[in-house]
Amino acid sequence: MRFAQAMIGADARDHADIAVAAEAAGFDAVAVSDHVVYPEHLDSKYPYTSDGRPQFSPDEDWPDPWVHIAHMASRTTTLEFLTNVYVLPLRNPFVVAKAVGTAAFLSRDRVALGIGAGWMREEFELMGQPFSQRGARMDEAIELLRALWTGEMVEHHGVHFDVPRVRMRPAPDRQVPIYVGGHSEAALRRAAKHDGWIGVNYTVEQLAEHCVTLNRYREEAGTTDHAFDVVASPLAIPRPDVIEQLVGLGVTTLLTSAWMMAGQKAPSGPEAVDLVGSFAEKFIAPLRS
């Protein structure tokens, strides 16, 4: 089992120090979240809470994920980075391909792109992107990203993007893995076609159901012979018996928060560093001894 530390909650200016500590403690990756803005008036319902209210406030910082990841990558050597999740159809795919490809190139392929269709209509409207077409635009954007990341002269002629022959450099040494977040049928089917799925805040029983569905969709898509990561944040303490159960379901990476596990939402930098070490000593080291 791999372990990824979610960075949300800690002061972003401390994240590089926390990343260094996470790497030393035995974490395999860290995950960063994404939003461009938080509207003062928000009518959109957050899909992962019962009352539709976001689990975060307008006061929280949301650094640009790729500036953020580049900063942490420059301080580490083996730690990997993923977005949880990056709202791909909110952006121009050329800008995304350049930012992600550059981060992957400079970090020597320590980057994975976790994507979602997005839920905040207001953010799409501010960015000038059609909210109702976000799923179709995302699917086509993925095709364009993968083509641009080859570093070769490529072209693309689709419904949403029409691109003459172009070449983008630098190119990563390998295709950046693409993970899809969300539990809707569309999200699970999309994930099954790519490199992995991100599932956050589910019980182990709910994860089991989603993993069964994912496997069925992977069989339908003909991707069962490809490497596939399941990045999950279960509502359970990661004791050895729980980890064994998750591995049996196909979960490959446990997405967690050392400070939230300790009951802290917004630790100081030194506190976060200590909590990362304590978590690793309690839960990671016994599995790897």
C-alpha atoms as a PDB file:
ATOM      1  CA  MET A   1       0.000   0.000   0.000  1.00  0.00           C
ATOM      2  CA  ARG A   2       1.230   3.482  -0.904  1.00  0.00           C
ATOM      3  CA  PHE A   3       0.466   6.520   1.263  1.00  0.00           C
ATOM      4  CA  ALA A   4      -0.321  10.058   0.098  1.00  0.00           C
ATOM      5  CA  GLN A   5      -0.641  13.055   2.406  1.00  0.00           C
ATOM      6  CA  ALA A   6      -3.377  15.551   1.507  1.00  0.00           C
ATOM      7  CA  MET A   7      -1.991  19.050   2.029  1.00  0.00           C
ATOM      8  CA  ILE A   8      -5.292  20.871   2.517  1.00  0.00           C
ATOM      9  CA  GLY A   9      -5.573  22.563   5.902  1.00  0.00           C
ATOM     10  CA  ALA A  10      -1.937  23.464   6.532  1.00  0.00           C
ATOM     11  CA  ASP A  11      -0.540  26.870   5.599  1.00  0.00           C
ATOM     12  CA  ALA A  12       0.597  26.643   1.969  1.00  0.00           C
ATOM     13  CA  ARG A  13       3.847  28.427   2.849  1.00  0.00           C
ATOM     14  CA  ASP A  14       4.739  25.443   5.012  1.00  0.00           C
ATOM     15  CA  HIS A  15       3.933  22.795   2.412  1.00  0.00           C
ATOM     16  CA  ALA A  16       7.495  22.434   1.099  1.00  0.00           C
ATOM     17  CA  ASP A  17       8.761  21.722   4.626  1.00  0.00           C
ATOM     18  CA  ILE A  18       5.903  19.279   5.157  1.00  0.00           C
ATOM     19  CA  ALA A  19       6.693  17.575   1.827  1.00  0.00           C
ATOM     20  CA  VAL A  20      10.325  17.121   2.880  1.00  0.00           C
ATOM     21  CA  ALA A  21       9.139  15.621   6.174  1.00  0.00           C
ATOM     22  CA  ALA A  22       6.630  13.374   4.397  1.00  0.00           C
ATOM     23  CA  GLU A  23       9.321  12.021   2.090  1.00  0.00           C
ATOM     24  CA  ALA A  24      11.643  11.326   5.018  1.00  0.00           C
ATOM     25  CA  ALA A  25       8.855   9.666   7.003  1.00  0.00           C
ATOM     26  CA  GLY A  26       7.970   7.201   4.244  1.00  0.00           C
ATOM     27  CA  PHE A  27       5.024   8.790   2.476  1.00  0.00           C
ATOM     28  CA  ASP A  28       5.005   8.098  -1.251  1.00  0.00           C
ATOM     29  CA  ALA A  29       3.144  11.184  -2.420  1.00  0.00           C
ATOM     30  CA  VAL A  30       1.328  14.353  -1.459  1.00  0.00           C
ATOM     31  CA  ALA A  31      -1.918  15.623  -2.923  1.00  0.00           C
ATOM     32  CA  VAL A  32      -2.971  19.206  -3.578  1.00  0.00           C
ATOM     33  CA  SER A  33      -6.446  20.568  -4.237  1.00  0.00           C
ATOM     34  CA  ASP A  34      -7.710  23.059  -6.784  1.00  0.00           C
ATOM     35  CA  HIS A  35     -10.025  26.012  -7.189  1.00  0.00           C
ATOM     36  CA  VAL A  36      -9.402  29.285  -8.983  1.00  0.00           C
ATOM     37  CA  VAL A  37     -11.816  31.476  -7.019  1.00  0.00           C
ATOM     38  CA  TYR A  38     -14.507  31.234  -4.356  1.00  0.00           C
ATOM     39  CA  PRO A  39     -17.569  33.334  -5.295  1.00  0.00           C
ATOM     40  CA  GLU A  40     -19.153  35.473  -2.606  1.00  0.00           C
ATOM     41  CA  HIS A  41     -22.566  34.242  -3.755  1.00  0.00           C
ATOM     42  CA  LEU A  42     -22.550  30.489  -4.341  1.00  0.00           C
ATOM     43  CA  ASP A  43     -25.672  28.705  -5.533  1.00  0.00           C
ATOM     44  CA  SER A  44     -23.980  25.511  -6.736  1.00  0.00           C
ATOM     45  CA  LYS A  45     -24.307  22.523  -4.399  1.00  0.00           C
ATOM     46  CA  TYR A  46     -21.213  20.673  -3.290  1.00  0.00           C
ATOM     47  CA  PRO A  47     -21.817  17.012  -4.247  1.00  0.00           C
ATOM     48  CA  TYR A  48     -19.892  15.372  -1.393  1.00  0.00           C
ATOM     49  CA  THR A  49     -21.787  16.628   1.651  1.00  0.00           C
ATOM     50  CA  SER A  50     -25.366  15.894   2.682  1.00  0.00           C
ATOM     51  CA  ASP A  51     -26.332  19.573   2.906  1.00  0.00           C
ATOM     52  CA  GLY A  52     -24.540  20.656  -0.281  1.00  0.00           C
ATOM     53  CA  ARG A  53     -22.190  23.003   1.561  1.00  0.00           C
ATOM     54  CA  PRO A  54     -18.474  22.855   0.722  1.00  0.00           C
ATOM     55  CA  GLN A  55     -16.124  21.414   3.328  1.00  0.00           C
ATOM     56  CA  PHE A  56     -13.944  24.513   2.987  1.00  0.00           C
ATOM     57  CA  SER A  57     -14.421  28.246   3.443  1.00  0.00           C
ATOM     58  CA  PRO A  58     -13.635  31.347   1.370  1.00  0.00           C
ATOM     59  CA  ASP A  59     -10.810  32.105   3.814  1.00  0.00           C
ATOM     60  CA  GLU A  60      -8.711  29.095   2.795  1.00  0.00           C
ATOM     61  CA  ASP A  61      -5.791  29.480   0.396  1.00  0.00           C
ATOM     62  CA  TRP A  62      -5.826  27.683  -2.958  1.00  0.00           C
ATOM     63  CA  PRO A  63      -2.355  27.986  -4.538  1.00  0.00           C
ATOM     64  CA  ASP A  64      -2.052  27.272  -8.226  1.00  0.00           C
ATOM     65  CA  PRO A  65      -1.435  23.490  -8.206  1.00  0.00           C
ATOM     66  CA  TRP A  66       1.450  23.485 -10.679  1.00  0.00           C
ATOM     67  CA  VAL A  67       3.380  26.359  -9.112  1.00  0.00           C
ATOM     68  CA  HIS A  68       2.705  24.628  -5.801  1.00  0.00           C
ATOM     69  CA  ILE A  69       3.913  21.217  -7.004  1.00  0.00           C
ATOM     70  CA  ALA A  70       6.998  22.665  -8.693  1.00  0.00           C
ATOM     71  CA  HIS A  71       7.986  24.351  -5.426  1.00  0.00           C
ATOM     72  CA  MET A  72       7.654  21.110  -3.432  1.00  0.00           C
ATOM     73  CA  ALA A  73       9.337  19.023  -6.136  1.00  0.00           C
ATOM     74  CA  SER A  74      12.388  21.285  -6.008  1.00  0.00           C
ATOM     75  CA  ARG A  75      12.830  20.404  -2.319  1.00  0.00           C
ATOM     76  CA  THR A  76      12.357  16.633  -2.643  1.00  0.00           C
ATOM     77  CA  THR A  77      13.851  13.779  -4.643  1.00  0.00           C
ATOM     78  CA  THR A  78      11.514  10.758  -4.588  1.00  0.00           C
ATOM     79  CA  LEU A  79       8.176  12.127  -3.398  1.00  0.00           C
ATOM     80  CA  GLU A  80       5.397  12.067  -5.997  1.00  0.00           C
ATOM     81  CA  PHE A  81       2.624  14.612  -6.502  1.00  0.00           C
ATOM     82  CA  LEU A  82      -0.996  14.423  -7.587  1.00  0.00           C
ATOM     83  CA  THR A  83      -3.932  16.790  -7.830  1.00  0.00           C
ATOM     84  CA  ASN A  84      -7.082  15.948  -5.927  1.00  0.00           C
ATOM     85  CA  VAL A  85      -8.639  17.063  -8.137  1.00  0.00           C
ATOM     86  CA  TYR A  86      -7.791  19.513 -10.896  1.00  0.00           C
ATOM     87  CA  VAL A  87     -10.842  20.903 -12.698  1.00  0.00           C
ATOM     88  CA  LEU A  88      -9.655  20.192 -16.215  1.00  0.00           C
ATOM     89  CA  PRO A  89     -12.588  21.500 -18.330  1.00  0.00           C
ATOM     90  CA  LEU A  90     -12.282  24.851 -16.564  1.00  0.00           C
ATOM     91  CA  ARG A  91      -9.032  25.490 -18.436  1.00  0.00           C
ATOM     92  CA  ASN A  92      -7.541  25.840 -21.873  1.00  0.00           C
ATOM     93  CA  PRO A  93      -5.942  22.429 -22.582  1.00  0.00           C
ATOM     94  CA  PHE A  94      -2.794  23.990 -24.061  1.00  0.00           C
ATOM     95  CA  VAL A  95      -2.132  25.839 -20.808  1.00  0.00           C
ATOM     96  CA  VAL A  96      -2.746  22.621 -18.856  1.00  0.00           C
ATOM     97  CA  ALA A  97      -0.498  20.552 -21.138  1.00  0.00           C
ATOM     98  CA  LYS A  98       2.322  23.080 -20.818  1.00  0.00           C
ATOM     99  CA  ALA A  99       2.074  23.429 -17.015  1.00  0.00           C
ATOM    100  CA  VAL A 100       1.668  19.722 -16.246  1.00  0.00           C
ATOM    101  CA  GLY A 101       4.185  18.602 -18.843  1.00  0.00           C
ATOM    102  CA  THR A 102       6.774  21.061 -17.550  1.00  0.00           C
ATOM    103  CA  ALA A 103       6.220  19.972 -13.944  1.00  0.00           C
ATOM    104  CA  ALA A 104       6.594  16.333 -14.958  1.00  0.00           C
ATOM    105  CA  PHE A 105       9.731  17.066 -16.995  1.00  0.00           C
ATOM    106  CA  LEU A 106      11.450  19.080 -14.261  1.00  0.00           C
ATOM    107  CA  SER A 107      10.496  16.659 -11.466  1.00  0.00           C
ATOM    108  CA  ARG A 108      11.674  13.677 -13.525  1.00  0.00           C
ATOM    109  CA  ASP A 109       8.195  12.213 -13.859  1.00  0.00           C
ATOM    110  CA  ARG A 110       6.975  12.500 -10.283  1.00  0.00           C
ATOM    111  CA  VAL A 111       3.603  13.951 -11.258  1.00  0.00           C
ATOM    112  CA  ALA A 112       0.129  12.494 -11.746  1.00  0.00           C
ATOM    113  CA  LEU A 113      -2.857  14.497 -12.953  1.00  0.00           C
ATOM    114  CA  GLY A 114      -5.999  13.841 -10.938  1.00  0.00           C
ATOM    115  CA  ILE A 115      -8.944  15.461 -12.705  1.00  0.00           C
ATOM    116  CA  GLY A 116     -12.616  16.135 -12.165  1.00  0.00           C
ATOM    117  CA  ALA A 117     -15.434  17.595 -14.211  1.00  0.00           C
ATOM    118  CA  GLY A 118     -16.132  20.267 -11.596  1.00  0.00           C
ATOM    119  CA  TRP A 119     -19.289  21.198  -9.706  1.00  0.00           C
ATOM    120  CA  MET A 120     -19.099  24.992  -9.272  1.00  0.00           C
ATOM    121  CA  ARG A 121     -21.051  26.534 -12.130  1.00  0.00           C
ATOM    122  CA  GLU A 122     -20.066  30.028 -11.016  1.00  0.00           C
ATOM    123  CA  GLU A 123     -16.371  29.264 -11.479  1.00  0.00           C
ATOM    124  CA  PHE A 124     -16.966  28.059 -15.043  1.00  0.00           C
ATOM    125  CA  GLU A 125     -18.915  31.187 -15.906  1.00  0.00           C
ATOM    126  CA  LEU A 126     -16.158  33.418 -14.537  1.00  0.00           C
ATOM    127  CA  MET A 127     -13.575  31.510 -16.579  1.00  0.00           C
ATOM    128  CA  GLY A 128     -15.704  31.727 -19.723  1.00  0.00           C
ATOM    129  CA  GLN A 129     -16.160  27.958 -20.108  1.00  0.00           C
ATOM    130  CA  PRO A 130     -19.480  26.164 -20.817  1.00  0.00           C
ATOM    131  CA  PHE A 131     -20.526  24.304 -17.663  1.00  0.00           C
ATOM    132  CA  SER A 132     -23.045  22.097 -19.490  1.00  0.00           C
ATOM    133  CA  GLN A 133     -20.357  20.770 -21.860  1.00  0.00           C
ATOM    134  CA  ARG A 134     -17.684  20.095 -19.252  1.00  0.00           C
ATOM    135  CA  GLY A 135     -17.748  16.291 -19.528  1.00  0.00           C
ATOM    136  CA  ALA A 136     -17.391  16.198 -23.303  1.00  0.00           C
ATOM    137  CA  ARG A 137     -14.750  18.934 -23.254  1.00  0.00           C
ATOM    138  CA  MET A 138     -12.784  17.049 -20.627  1.00  0.00           C
ATOM    139  CA  ASP A 139     -12.768  13.826 -22.645  1.00  0.00           C
ATOM    140  CA  GLU A 140     -11.502  15.628 -25.708  1.00  0.00           C
ATOM    141  CA  ALA A 141      -9.002  17.650 -23.688  1.00  0.00           C
ATOM    142  CA  ILE A 142      -7.477  14.398 -22.394  1.00  0.00           C
ATOM    143  CA  GLU A 143      -6.886  13.258 -25.975  1.00  0.00           C
ATOM    144  CA  LEU A 144      -5.165  16.551 -26.742  1.00  0.00           C
ATOM    145  CA  LEU A 145      -3.034  16.448 -23.578  1.00  0.00           C
ATOM    146  CA  ARG A 146      -1.787  12.962 -24.355  1.00  0.00           C
ATOM    147  CA  ALA A 147      -0.894  13.982 -27.896  1.00  0.00           C
ATOM    148  CA  LEU A 148       0.969  17.127 -26.799  1.00  0.00           C
ATOM    149  CA  TRP A 149       2.895  15.226 -24.107  1.00  0.00           C
ATOM    150  CA  THR A 150       4.527  13.026 -26.756  1.00  0.00           C
ATOM    151  CA  GLY A 151       6.693  15.983 -27.701  1.00  0.00           C
ATOM    152  CA  GLU A 152       6.107  15.162 -31.359  1.00  0.00           C
ATOM    153  CA  MET A 153       4.427  17.159 -34.116  1.00  0.00           C
ATOM    154  CA  VAL A 154       0.712  16.400 -33.630  1.00  0.00           C
ATOM    155  CA  GLU A 155      -2.688  17.601 -34.743  1.00  0.00           C
ATOM    156  CA  HIS A 156      -6.195  17.226 -33.372  1.00  0.00           C
ATOM    157  CA  HIS A 157      -9.551  17.795 -35.029  1.00  0.00           C
ATOM    158  CA  GLY A 158     -12.484  17.389 -32.682  1.00  0.00           C
ATOM    159  CA  VAL A 159     -15.780  18.938 -31.695  1.00  0.00           C
ATOM    160  CA  HIS A 160     -14.384  21.324 -29.089  1.00  0.00           C
ATOM    161  CA  PHE A 161     -10.765  21.749 -30.187  1.00  0.00           C
ATOM    162  CA  ASP A 162      -9.386  22.043 -33.713  1.00  0.00           C
ATOM    163  CA  VAL A 163      -5.591  22.059 -33.723  1.00  0.00           C
ATOM    164  CA  PRO A 164      -3.242  22.169 -36.735  1.00  0.00           C
ATOM    165  CA  ARG A 165       0.126  20.436 -36.551  1.00  0.00           C
ATOM    166  CA  VAL A 166       1.996  21.717 -33.495  1.00  0.00           C
ATOM    167  CA  ARG A 167       4.744  20.553 -31.172  1.00  0.00           C
ATOM    168  CA  MET A 168       5.049  21.255 -27.436  1.00  0.00           C
ATOM    169  CA  ARG A 169       8.365  21.076 -25.584  1.00  0.00           C
ATOM    170  CA  PRO A 170       9.636  20.196 -23.046  1.00  0.00           C
ATOM    171  CA  ALA A 171       7.878  16.866 -23.026  1.00  0.00           C
ATOM    172  CA  PRO A 172       7.776  14.464 -20.082  1.00  0.00           C
ATOM    173  CA  ASP A 173       9.776  11.274 -20.480  1.00  0.00           C
ATOM    174  CA  ARG A 174       6.571   9.267 -20.115  1.00  0.00           C
ATOM    175  CA  GLN A 175       2.866   9.978 -20.335  1.00  0.00           C
ATOM    176  CA  VAL A 176       1.608  11.675 -17.182  1.00  0.00           C
ATOM    177  CA  PRO A 177      -0.810   9.277 -15.422  1.00  0.00           C
ATOM    178  CA  ILE A 178      -4.371  10.572 -15.443  1.00  0.00           C
ATOM    179  CA  TYR A 179      -6.669   9.723 -12.539  1.00  0.00           C
ATOM    180  CA  VAL A 180     -10.356  10.630 -12.510  1.00  0.00           C
ATOM    181  CA  GLY A 181     -12.233  11.644  -9.373  1.00  0.00           C
ATOM    182  CA  GLY A 182     -15.924  11.312  -8.590  1.00  0.00           C
ATOM    183  CA  HIS A 183     -18.452   8.543  -8.071  1.00  0.00           C
ATOM    184  CA  SER A 184     -21.032   9.269 -10.756  1.00  0.00           C
ATOM    185  CA  GLU A 185     -21.484   6.683 -13.502  1.00  0.00           C
ATOM    186  CA  ALA A 186     -19.834   9.065 -15.971  1.00  0.00           C
ATOM    187  CA  ALA A 187     -16.836   9.600 -13.669  1.00  0.00           C
ATOM    188  CA  LEU A 188     -16.327   5.890 -13.019  1.00  0.00           C
ATOM    189  CA  ARG A 189     -16.626   5.029 -16.717  1.00  0.00           C
ATOM    190  CA  ARG A 190     -14.142   7.793 -17.542  1.00  0.00           C
ATOM    191  CA  ALA A 191     -11.700   6.585 -14.887  1.00  0.00           C
ATOM    192  CA  ALA A 192     -11.882   3.026 -16.232  1.00  0.00           C
ATOM    193  CA  LYS A 193     -10.522   4.241 -19.570  1.00  0.00           C
ATOM    194  CA  HIS A 194      -7.464   5.904 -18.050  1.00  0.00           C
ATOM    195  CA  ASP A 195      -4.863   5.284 -15.341  1.00  0.00           C
ATOM    196  CA  GLY A 196      -6.759   5.405 -12.074  1.00  0.00           C
ATOM    197  CA  TRP A 197      -9.587   6.615  -9.875  1.00  0.00           C
ATOM    198  CA  ILE A 198      -9.640   8.956  -6.874  1.00  0.00           C
ATOM    199  CA  GLY A 199     -12.316   8.344  -4.243  1.00  0.00           C
ATOM    200  CA  VAL A 200     -12.572  10.564  -1.174  1.00  0.00           C
ATOM    201  CA  ASN A 201     -14.531  10.151   2.074  1.00  0.00           C
ATOM    202  CA  TYR A 202     -16.236   6.805   1.534  1.00  0.00           C
ATOM    203  CA  THR A 203     -16.785   3.977   3.955  1.00  0.00           C
ATOM    204  CA  VAL A 204     -14.927   0.763   3.204  1.00  0.00           C
ATOM    205  CA  GLU A 205     -18.246  -0.756   2.127  1.00  0.00           C
ATOM    206  CA  GLN A 206     -18.895   2.095  -0.304  1.00  0.00           C
ATOM    207  CA  LEU A 207     -15.379   1.757  -1.676  1.00  0.00           C
ATOM    208  CA  ALA A 208     -16.002  -1.940  -2.242  1.00  0.00           C
ATOM    209  CA  GLU A 209     -19.071  -1.133  -4.343  1.00  0.00           C
ATOM    210  CA  HIS A 210     -17.216   1.476  -6.382  1.00  0.00           C
ATOM    211  CA  CYS A 211     -14.277  -0.875  -6.982  1.00  0.00           C
ATOM    212  CA  VAL A 212     -16.616  -3.589  -8.262  1.00  0.00           C
ATOM    213  CA  THR A 213     -18.192  -1.055 -10.628  1.00  0.00           C
ATOM    214  CA  LEU A 214     -14.778   0.167 -11.766  1.00  0.00           C
ATOM    215  CA  ASN A 215     -13.656  -3.370 -12.557  1.00  0.00           C
ATOM    216  CA  ARG A 216     -16.792  -3.966 -14.594  1.00  0.00           C
ATOM    217  CA  TYR A 217     -16.265  -0.754 -16.564  1.00  0.00           C
ATOM    218  CA  ARG A 218     -12.595  -1.610 -17.108  1.00  0.00           C
ATOM    219  CA  GLU A 219     -13.624  -4.956 -18.557  1.00  0.00           C
ATOM    220  CA  GLU A 220     -16.071  -3.192 -20.868  1.00  0.00           C
ATOM    221  CA  ALA A 221     -13.377  -0.692 -21.907  1.00  0.00           C
ATOM    222  CA  GLY A 222     -10.769  -3.416 -22.452  1.00  0.00           C
ATOM    223  CA  THR A 223      -8.289  -1.845 -20.025  1.00  0.00           C
ATOM    224  CA  THR A 224      -7.924  -4.611 -17.433  1.00  0.00           C
ATOM    225  CA  ASP A 225      -4.425  -5.443 -18.679  1.00  0.00           C
ATOM    226  CA  HIS A 226      -3.213  -1.895 -18.004  1.00  0.00           C
ATOM    227  CA  ALA A 227      -1.771  -0.636 -14.722  1.00  0.00           C
ATOM    228  CA  PHE A 228      -4.514   1.040 -12.711  1.00  0.00           C
ATOM    229  CA  ASP A 229      -4.284   2.972  -9.446  1.00  0.00           C
ATOM    230  CA  VAL A 230      -7.102   3.388  -6.961  1.00  0.00           C
ATOM    231  CA  VAL A 231      -6.387   6.354  -4.705  1.00  0.00           C
ATOM    232  CA  ALA A 232      -8.851   6.225  -1.823  1.00  0.00           C
ATOM    233  CA  SER A 233      -9.552   8.167   1.342  1.00  0.00           C
ATOM    234  CA  PRO A 234     -11.629   5.765   3.454  1.00  0.00           C
ATOM    235  CA  LEU A 235     -13.563   6.751   6.550  1.00  0.00           C
ATOM    236  CA  ALA A 236     -11.576   4.303   8.655  1.00  0.00           C
ATOM    237  CA  ILE A 237      -8.447   4.193  10.793  1.00  0.00           C
ATOM    238  CA  PRO A 238      -5.681   2.578   8.691  1.00  0.00           C
ATOM    239  CA  ARG A 239      -5.028  -0.375  10.971  1.00  0.00           C
ATOM    240  CA  PRO A 240      -3.391  -3.440   9.389  1.00  0.00           C
ATOM    241  CA  ASP A 241      -6.731  -5.257   9.051  1.00  0.00           C
ATOM    242  CA  VAL A 242      -8.265  -2.265   7.277  1.00  0.00           C
ATOM    243  CA  ILE A 243      -5.254  -1.952   4.972  1.00  0.00           C
ATOM    244  CA  GLU A 244      -5.504  -5.649   4.151  1.00  0.00           C
ATOM    245  CA  GLN A 245      -9.166  -5.204   3.289  1.00  0.00           C
ATOM    246  CA  LEU A 246      -8.430  -2.178   1.098  1.00  0.00           C
ATOM    247  CA  VAL A 247      -5.663  -4.008  -0.751  1.00  0.00           C
ATOM    248  CA  GLY A 248      -8.102  -6.831  -1.416  1.00  0.00           C
ATOM    249  CA  LEU A 249     -10.491  -4.323  -2.989  1.00  0.00           C
ATOM    250  CA  GLY A 250      -7.759  -3.062  -5.329  1.00  0.00           C
ATOM    251  CA  VAL A 251      -6.871   0.152  -3.490  1.00  0.00           C
ATOM    252  CA  THR A 252      -3.248   1.030  -4.274  1.00  0.00           C
ATOM    253  CA  THR A 253      -2.828   4.372  -2.498  1.00  0.00           C
ATOM    254  CA  LEU A 254      -4.273   5.528   0.808  1.00  0.00           C
ATOM    255  CA  LEU A 255      -4.985   9.265   0.636  1.00  0.00           C
ATOM    256  CA  THR A 256      -4.928  10.555   4.207  1.00  0.00           C
ATOM    257  CA  SER A 257      -4.223  13.562   6.402  1.00  0.00           C
ATOM    258  CA  ALA A 258      -1.894  13.175   9.354  1.00  0.00           C
ATOM    259  CA  TRP A 259      -3.287  16.257  11.061  1.00  0.00           C
ATOM    260  CA  MET A 260      -6.952  15.519  10.456  1.00  0.00           C
ATOM    261  CA  MET A 261      -6.390  11.997  11.786  1.00  0.00           C
ATOM    262  CA  ALA A 262      -5.098  13.707  14.925  1.00  0.00           C
ATOM    263  CA  GLY A 263      -8.153  15.956  15.132  1.00  0.00           C
ATOM    264  CA  GLN A 264      -6.459  19.123  13.868  1.00  0.00           C
ATOM    265  CA  LYS A 265      -7.819  21.041  10.908  1.00  0.00           C
ATOM    266  CA  ALA A 266      -5.212  23.798  10.533  1.00  0.00           C
ATOM    267  CA  PRO A 267      -1.890  22.931  12.200  1.00  0.00           C
ATOM    268  CA  SER A 268       1.135  25.198  12.247  1.00  0.00           C
ATOM    269  CA  GLY A 269       4.078  24.167  10.092  1.00  0.00           C
ATOM    270  CA  PRO A 270       6.073  22.547  12.910  1.00  0.00           C
ATOM    271  CA  GLU A 271       2.947  20.808  14.215  1.00  0.00           C
ATOM    272  CA  ALA A 272       2.170  19.435  10.747  1.00  0.00           C
ATOM    273  CA  VAL A 273       5.741  18.159  10.365  1.00  0.00           C
ATOM    274  CA  ASP A 274       5.538  16.394  13.742  1.00  0.00           C
ATOM    275  CA  LEU A 275       2.134  14.901  12.953  1.00  0.00           C
ATOM    276  CA  VAL A 276       3.363  13.568   9.602  1.00  0.00           C
ATOM    277  CA  GLY A 277       6.196  11.816  11.403  1.00  0.00           C
ATOM    278  CA  SER A 278       3.895  10.441  14.105  1.00  0.00           C
ATOM    279  CA  PHE A 279       1.415   9.128  11.539  1.00  0.00           C
ATOM    280  CA  ALA A 280       4.143   7.392   9.570  1.00  0.00           C
ATOM    281  CA  GLU A 281       5.616   5.840  12.706  1.00  0.00           C
ATOM    282  CA  LYS A 282       2.216   4.549  13.793  1.00  0.00           C
ATOM    283  CA  PHE A 283       0.708   3.398  10.519  1.00  0.00           C
ATOM    284  CA  ILE A 284       3.310   3.222   7.707  1.00  0.00           C
ATOM    285  CA  ALA A 285       6.381   1.809   9.432  1.00  0.00           C
ATOM    286  CA  PRO A 286       4.632  -1.297  10.865  1.00  0.00           C
ATOM    287  CA  LEU A 287       3.434  -2.263   7.374  1.00  0.00           C
ATOM    288  CA  ARG A 288       6.927  -1.971   5.929  1.00  0.00           C
ATOM    289  CA  SER A 289       8.978  -3.480   8.729  1.00  0.00           C
END
